[in-house]
Amino acid sequence: MPRKIEQRTEGVAFDCHVPDNVTEIYADGASEIQFGMPMSRILFHSVTKPADGQSPEERVARLALVLPTSALLELVANIATNTTPEVAESTKAAMAGFLGHVSTQIGRLVDITAAKKK
């Protein structure tokens, strides 16, 4: 469903219309940030092969985002401004629960696959 983002803060006022078909690209992380004037660049990647202790993690670039440095600084300010201590703490707690669940499931998988070896 299309929506509109309305931002009204000190020094910033805009309406951003978001259509249904806005492009979304998944990335596992950012490999590189080139901070310059007047433009900056962020290189996002996906992991193609996790590190195995012998060789490094392998990644493939998925998106190079080039934006005015002022927009990058606005993004950083928005993240810092809109992340309250409560949000940070609840995110930390949610991640701890998620990691515990994933660890339990991986343990089950190890046990099941080990039993198949016997």
Protein backbone atom coordinates (compact mmCIF):
# COMPACT_ATOMS: atom_id res chain seq x y z
CA MET A 1 0.00 0.00 0.00
CA PRO A 2 1.47 3.40 -0.91
CA ARG A 3 2.29 5.61 2.01
CA LYS A 4 3.62 9.05 2.80
CA ILE A 5 6.41 9.87 5.22
CA GLU A 6 5.98 13.29 6.77
CA GLN A 7 9.03 14.76 8.48
CA ARG A 8 8.78 17.96 10.48
CA THR A 9 11.74 18.71 12.72
CA GLU A 10 13.95 21.70 13.33
CA GLY A 11 15.51 22.64 10.01
CA VAL A 12 13.93 19.71 8.12
CA ALA A 13 10.47 19.55 6.58
CA PHE A 14 9.49 17.15 3.80
CA ASP A 15 6.84 14.76 2.52
CA CYS A 16 8.12 11.57 0.87
CA HIS A 17 5.68 9.49 -1.16
CA VAL A 18 6.54 5.77 -1.12
CA PRO A 19 4.93 3.75 -3.95
CA ASP A 20 4.14 0.03 -3.72
CA ASN A 21 6.82 -0.83 -6.25
CA VAL A 22 9.79 0.84 -4.55
CA THR A 23 12.95 -1.19 -5.23
CA GLU A 24 14.28 -3.21 -2.30
CA ILE A 25 17.70 -4.86 -2.37
CA TYR A 26 18.82 -7.17 0.45
CA ALA A 27 22.39 -6.92 1.71
CA ASP A 28 24.17 -8.64 4.59
CA GLY A 29 26.22 -5.54 5.37
CA ALA A 30 28.35 -2.65 4.19
CA SER A 31 31.90 -3.45 3.08
CA GLU A 32 33.11 0.04 2.38
CA ILE A 33 32.22 3.66 2.94
CA GLN A 34 33.97 6.34 0.93
CA PHE A 35 33.32 9.64 2.63
CA GLY A 36 34.05 12.65 0.44
CA MET A 37 32.86 16.01 -0.72
CA PRO A 38 30.43 16.60 -2.24
CA MET A 39 29.49 12.90 -2.65
CA SER A 40 29.93 9.74 -0.56
CA ARG A 41 29.60 6.09 -1.51
CA ILE A 42 28.51 3.04 0.50
CA LEU A 43 29.18 -0.44 -0.90
CA PHE A 44 26.72 -3.08 0.32
CA HIS A 45 27.46 -6.80 0.07
CA SER A 46 26.04 -10.29 0.50
CA VAL A 47 28.06 -13.10 2.04
CA THR A 48 28.64 -15.89 -0.48
CA LYS A 49 30.88 -18.07 1.70
CA PRO A 50 31.25 -17.67 5.46
CA ALA A 51 34.73 -17.76 6.98
CA ASP A 52 35.69 -21.27 8.02
CA GLY A 53 38.74 -20.62 10.18
CA GLN A 54 41.05 -21.44 7.27
CA SER A 55 39.93 -18.92 4.68
CA PRO A 56 38.32 -15.50 4.93
CA GLU A 57 34.65 -14.75 4.38
CA GLU A 58 33.77 -14.23 0.73
CA ARG A 59 31.43 -11.42 -0.27
CA VAL A 60 29.89 -10.09 -3.46
CA ALA A 61 28.90 -6.45 -3.89
CA ARG A 62 25.15 -5.99 -4.33
CA LEU A 63 24.72 -2.22 -4.39
CA ALA A 64 26.90 0.86 -4.56
CA LEU A 65 24.88 3.72 -3.09
CA VAL A 66 26.18 7.15 -4.06
CA LEU A 67 24.61 10.11 -2.28
CA PRO A 68 25.46 13.65 -1.34
CA THR A 69 27.61 13.70 1.78
CA SER A 70 25.10 16.05 3.38
CA ALA A 71 22.41 13.35 2.92
CA LEU A 72 24.69 10.73 4.50
CA LEU A 73 25.24 13.01 7.49
CA GLU A 74 21.48 13.55 7.72
CA LEU A 75 21.00 9.75 7.76
CA VAL A 76 23.51 9.38 10.59
CA ALA A 77 21.83 12.20 12.52
CA ASN A 78 18.38 10.63 11.99
CA ILE A 79 19.60 7.27 13.29
CA ALA A 80 21.19 8.88 16.34
CA THR A 81 18.19 11.13 17.00
CA ASN A 82 15.50 8.51 16.54
CA THR A 83 17.17 5.71 18.46
CA THR A 84 16.13 6.12 22.07
CA PRO A 85 17.82 4.23 24.91
CA GLU A 86 14.59 2.20 25.25
CA VAL A 87 14.72 1.19 21.58
CA ALA A 88 18.40 0.26 21.88
CA GLU A 89 17.76 -1.83 25.02
CA SER A 90 14.71 -3.58 23.58
CA THR A 91 16.62 -4.35 20.39
CA LYS A 92 19.48 -5.76 22.46
CA ALA A 93 17.05 -7.94 24.44
CA ALA A 94 15.30 -9.12 21.27
CA MET A 95 18.64 -10.01 19.67
CA ALA A 96 19.69 -11.96 22.76
CA GLY A 97 16.47 -13.96 22.59
CA PHE A 98 16.86 -14.53 18.86
CA LEU A 99 20.47 -15.67 19.23
CA GLY A 100 19.47 -18.04 22.02
CA HIS A 101 16.75 -19.54 19.84
CA VAL A 102 19.09 -19.92 16.85
CA SER A 103 21.73 -21.52 19.09
CA THR A 104 19.18 -24.02 20.39
CA GLN A 105 18.06 -24.90 16.87
CA ILE A 106 21.64 -25.31 15.64
CA GLY A 107 22.33 -27.57 18.63
CA ARG A 108 19.34 -29.69 17.66
CA LEU A 109 20.59 -29.87 14.07
CA VAL A 110 24.05 -30.97 15.23
CA ASP A 111 22.52 -33.68 17.42
CA ILE A 112 20.25 -34.95 14.63
CA THR A 113 23.03 -35.06 12.03
CA ALA A 114 25.42 -36.69 14.52
CA ALA A 115 22.84 -39.41 15.20
CA LYS A 116 22.69 -40.14 11.44
CA LYS A 117 26.44 -40.90 11.44
CA LYS A 118 25.96 -43.77 13.90
